[in-house]
Amino acid sequence: FSTAKLSSYSENLQTQMTPYASDAAGQLSKDLQLLAGKLQTDMTDAKERSTQYLQELKTMMEQNADDVKNRVGTYTRKLKKRLNKDTEEIRNTVATYMSEMQSPAPYN
């Protein structure tokens, strides 16, 4: 092979391959744009789902907090009622004891 033939072959090959390379580059660009669009859609969907999950978690936590608040309120009312009853019993016992202490003792 001579240099002229190699040069001619190279130019011919380059001329034949340029459209294919250009087509491949164009297809790659389109594929990348489609991929970027799909990725953007997927990211938006993921953001929407995570926002929804966060809202559901917040709602559950609020419901649980309300449930705990209601239970504590019920327990507190029952405890207060029981303490008031016990206090009244102690007052009555002390009053009876004091009354017995103040009354004259019978002599045998």
C-alpha atoms as a PDB file:
ATOM      1  CA  PHE A   1       0.000   0.000   0.000  1.00  0.00           C
ATOM      2  CA  SER A   2       1.142   3.427  -0.824  1.00  0.00           C
ATOM      3  CA  THR A   3       0.605   6.491   1.281  1.00  0.00           C
ATOM      4  CA  ALA A   4      -1.766   7.918  -1.313  1.00  0.00           C
ATOM      5  CA  LYS A   5      -3.855   4.750  -1.266  1.00  0.00           C
ATOM      6  CA  LEU A   6      -3.922   4.725   2.530  1.00  0.00           C
ATOM      7  CA  SER A   7      -4.921   8.367   2.581  1.00  0.00           C
ATOM      8  CA  SER A   8      -7.622   7.732  -0.011  1.00  0.00           C
ATOM      9  CA  TYR A   9      -8.865   4.693   1.905  1.00  0.00           C
ATOM     10  CA  SER A  10      -8.925   6.704   5.138  1.00  0.00           C
ATOM     11  CA  GLU A  11     -10.857   9.560   3.534  1.00  0.00           C
ATOM     12  CA  ASN A  12     -13.291   7.126   1.909  1.00  0.00           C
ATOM     13  CA  LEU A  13     -13.823   5.309   5.212  1.00  0.00           C
ATOM     14  CA  GLN A  14     -14.305   8.597   7.036  1.00  0.00           C
ATOM     15  CA  THR A  15     -16.840   9.752   4.418  1.00  0.00           C
ATOM     16  CA  GLN A  16     -18.762   6.491   4.731  1.00  0.00           C
ATOM     17  CA  MET A  17     -18.659   6.400   8.535  1.00  0.00           C
ATOM     18  CA  THR A  18     -19.545  10.049   9.217  1.00  0.00           C
ATOM     19  CA  PRO A  19     -23.310   9.581   8.615  1.00  0.00           C
ATOM     20  CA  TYR A  20     -23.332   6.499  10.863  1.00  0.00           C
ATOM     21  CA  ALA A  21     -21.424   8.311  13.583  1.00  0.00           C
ATOM     22  CA  SER A  22     -23.720  11.299  13.229  1.00  0.00           C
ATOM     23  CA  ASP A  23     -26.788   9.036  13.396  1.00  0.00           C
ATOM     24  CA  ALA A  24     -25.363   7.224  16.417  1.00  0.00           C
ATOM     25  CA  ALA A  25     -24.630  10.535  18.149  1.00  0.00           C
ATOM     26  CA  GLY A  26     -28.156  11.749  17.376  1.00  0.00           C
ATOM     27  CA  GLN A  27     -29.684   8.514  18.688  1.00  0.00           C
ATOM     28  CA  LEU A  28     -27.518   8.684  21.801  1.00  0.00           C
ATOM     29  CA  SER A  29     -28.662  12.267  22.384  1.00  0.00           C
ATOM     30  CA  LYS A  30     -32.328  11.238  22.009  1.00  0.00           C
ATOM     31  CA  ASP A  31     -31.834   8.260  24.316  1.00  0.00           C
ATOM     32  CA  LEU A  32     -30.167  10.466  26.921  1.00  0.00           C
ATOM     33  CA  GLN A  33     -33.021  12.982  26.709  1.00  0.00           C
ATOM     34  CA  LEU A  34     -35.584  10.193  27.147  1.00  0.00           C
ATOM     35  CA  LEU A  35     -33.613   8.795  30.063  1.00  0.00           C
ATOM     36  CA  ALA A  36     -33.351  12.250  31.666  1.00  0.00           C
ATOM     37  CA  GLY A  37     -37.107  12.735  31.243  1.00  0.00           C
ATOM     38  CA  LYS A  38     -37.847   9.352  32.800  1.00  0.00           C
ATOM     39  CA  LEU A  39     -35.452  10.057  35.642  1.00  0.00           C
ATOM     40  CA  GLN A  40     -37.137  13.424  36.254  1.00  0.00           C
ATOM     41  CA  THR A  41     -40.562  11.738  36.295  1.00  0.00           C
ATOM     42  CA  ASP A  42     -39.329   9.029  38.665  1.00  0.00           C
ATOM     43  CA  MET A  43     -37.780  11.626  40.980  1.00  0.00           C
ATOM     44  CA  THR A  44     -41.017  13.633  41.015  1.00  0.00           C
ATOM     45  CA  ASP A  45     -43.021  10.477  41.765  1.00  0.00           C
ATOM     46  CA  ALA A  46     -40.612   9.535  44.561  1.00  0.00           C
ATOM     47  CA  LYS A  47     -40.905  13.023  46.056  1.00  0.00           C
ATOM     48  CA  GLU A  48     -44.711  12.860  45.931  1.00  0.00           C
ATOM     49  CA  ARG A  49     -44.735   9.402  47.537  1.00  0.00           C
ATOM     50  CA  SER A  50     -42.335  10.458  50.283  1.00  0.00           C
ATOM     51  CA  THR A  51     -44.463  13.550  50.969  1.00  0.00           C
ATOM     52  CA  GLN A  52     -47.548  11.327  51.177  1.00  0.00           C
ATOM     53  CA  TYR A  53     -45.773   8.857  53.495  1.00  0.00           C
ATOM     54  CA  LEU A  54     -44.586  11.713  55.693  1.00  0.00           C
ATOM     55  CA  GLN A  55     -48.143  13.052  55.944  1.00  0.00           C
ATOM     56  CA  GLU A  56     -49.451   9.580  56.825  1.00  0.00           C
ATOM     57  CA  LEU A  57     -46.765   9.222  59.503  1.00  0.00           C
ATOM     58  CA  LYS A  58     -47.616  12.653  60.897  1.00  0.00           C
ATOM     59  CA  THR A  59     -51.320  11.728  61.019  1.00  0.00           C
ATOM     60  CA  MET A  60     -50.538   8.435  62.781  1.00  0.00           C
ATOM     61  CA  MET A  61     -48.348  10.215  65.324  1.00  0.00           C
ATOM     62  CA  GLU A  62     -51.068  12.797  65.989  1.00  0.00           C
ATOM     63  CA  GLN A  63     -53.655  10.031  66.423  1.00  0.00           C
ATOM     64  CA  ASN A  64     -51.333   8.147  68.772  1.00  0.00           C
ATOM     65  CA  ALA A  65     -50.641  11.330  70.737  1.00  0.00           C
ATOM     66  CA  ASP A  66     -54.385  11.987  71.023  1.00  0.00           C
ATOM     67  CA  ASP A  67     -54.933   8.387  72.125  1.00  0.00           C
ATOM     68  CA  VAL A  68     -52.224   8.675  74.787  1.00  0.00           C
ATOM     69  CA  LYS A  69     -53.652  12.020  75.923  1.00  0.00           C
ATOM     70  CA  ASN A  70     -57.135  10.492  76.245  1.00  0.00           C
ATOM     71  CA  ARG A  71     -55.826   7.477  78.146  1.00  0.00           C
ATOM     72  CA  VAL A  72     -53.787   9.634  80.508  1.00  0.00           C
ATOM     73  CA  GLY A  73     -56.823  11.870  81.042  1.00  0.00           C
ATOM     74  CA  THR A  74     -59.012   8.877  81.864  1.00  0.00           C
ATOM     75  CA  TYR A  75     -56.361   7.422  84.180  1.00  0.00           C
ATOM     76  CA  THR A  76     -55.889  10.808  85.887  1.00  0.00           C
ATOM     77  CA  ARG A  77     -59.629  11.173  86.499  1.00  0.00           C
ATOM     78  CA  LYS A  78     -59.846   7.658  87.944  1.00  0.00           C
ATOM     79  CA  LEU A  79     -56.786   8.249  90.110  1.00  0.00           C
ATOM     80  CA  LYS A  80     -58.161  11.578  91.374  1.00  0.00           C
ATOM     81  CA  LYS A  81     -61.500   9.952  92.177  1.00  0.00           C
ATOM     82  CA  ARG A  82     -59.756   7.134  94.053  1.00  0.00           C
ATOM     83  CA  LEU A  83     -57.512   9.567  95.953  1.00  0.00           C
ATOM     84  CA  ASN A  84     -60.514  11.688  96.934  1.00  0.00           C
ATOM     85  CA  LYS A  85     -62.301   8.567  98.193  1.00  0.00           C
ATOM     86  CA  ASP A  86     -59.226   7.422 100.145  1.00  0.00           C
ATOM     87  CA  THR A  87     -58.772  10.920 101.601  1.00  0.00           C
ATOM     88  CA  GLU A  88     -62.406  10.980 102.727  1.00  0.00           C
ATOM     89  CA  GLU A  89     -62.010   7.555 104.354  1.00  0.00           C
ATOM     90  CA  ILE A  90     -58.889   8.744 106.187  1.00  0.00           C
ATOM     91  CA  ARG A  91     -60.707  11.908 107.372  1.00  0.00           C
ATOM     92  CA  ASN A  92     -63.602   9.824 108.662  1.00  0.00           C
ATOM     93  CA  THR A  93     -61.237   7.433 110.423  1.00  0.00           C
ATOM     94  CA  VAL A  94     -59.298  10.309 112.008  1.00  0.00           C
ATOM     95  CA  ALA A  95     -62.532  12.063 113.001  1.00  0.00           C
ATOM     96  CA  THR A  96     -63.809   8.877 114.634  1.00  0.00           C
ATOM     97  CA  TYR A  97     -60.491   8.366 116.406  1.00  0.00           C
ATOM     98  CA  MET A  98     -60.431  11.996 117.626  1.00  0.00           C
ATOM     99  CA  SER A  99     -64.022  11.710 118.802  1.00  0.00           C
ATOM    100  CA  GLU A 100     -63.178   8.576 120.762  1.00  0.00           C
ATOM    101  CA  MET A 101     -60.120  10.282 122.243  1.00  0.00           C
ATOM    102  CA  GLN A 102     -62.152  13.293 123.389  1.00  0.00           C
ATOM    103  CA  SER A 103     -65.025  11.385 124.932  1.00  0.00           C
ATOM    104  CA  PRO A 104     -64.617  10.452 128.577  1.00  0.00           C
ATOM    105  CA  ALA A 105     -63.429   6.932 129.070  1.00  0.00           C
ATOM    106  CA  PRO A 106     -65.764   4.726 131.040  1.00  0.00           C
ATOM    107  CA  TYR A 107     -64.351   3.664 134.415  1.00  0.00           C
ATOM    108  CA  ASN A 108     -64.507   0.102 135.497  1.00  0.00           C
END
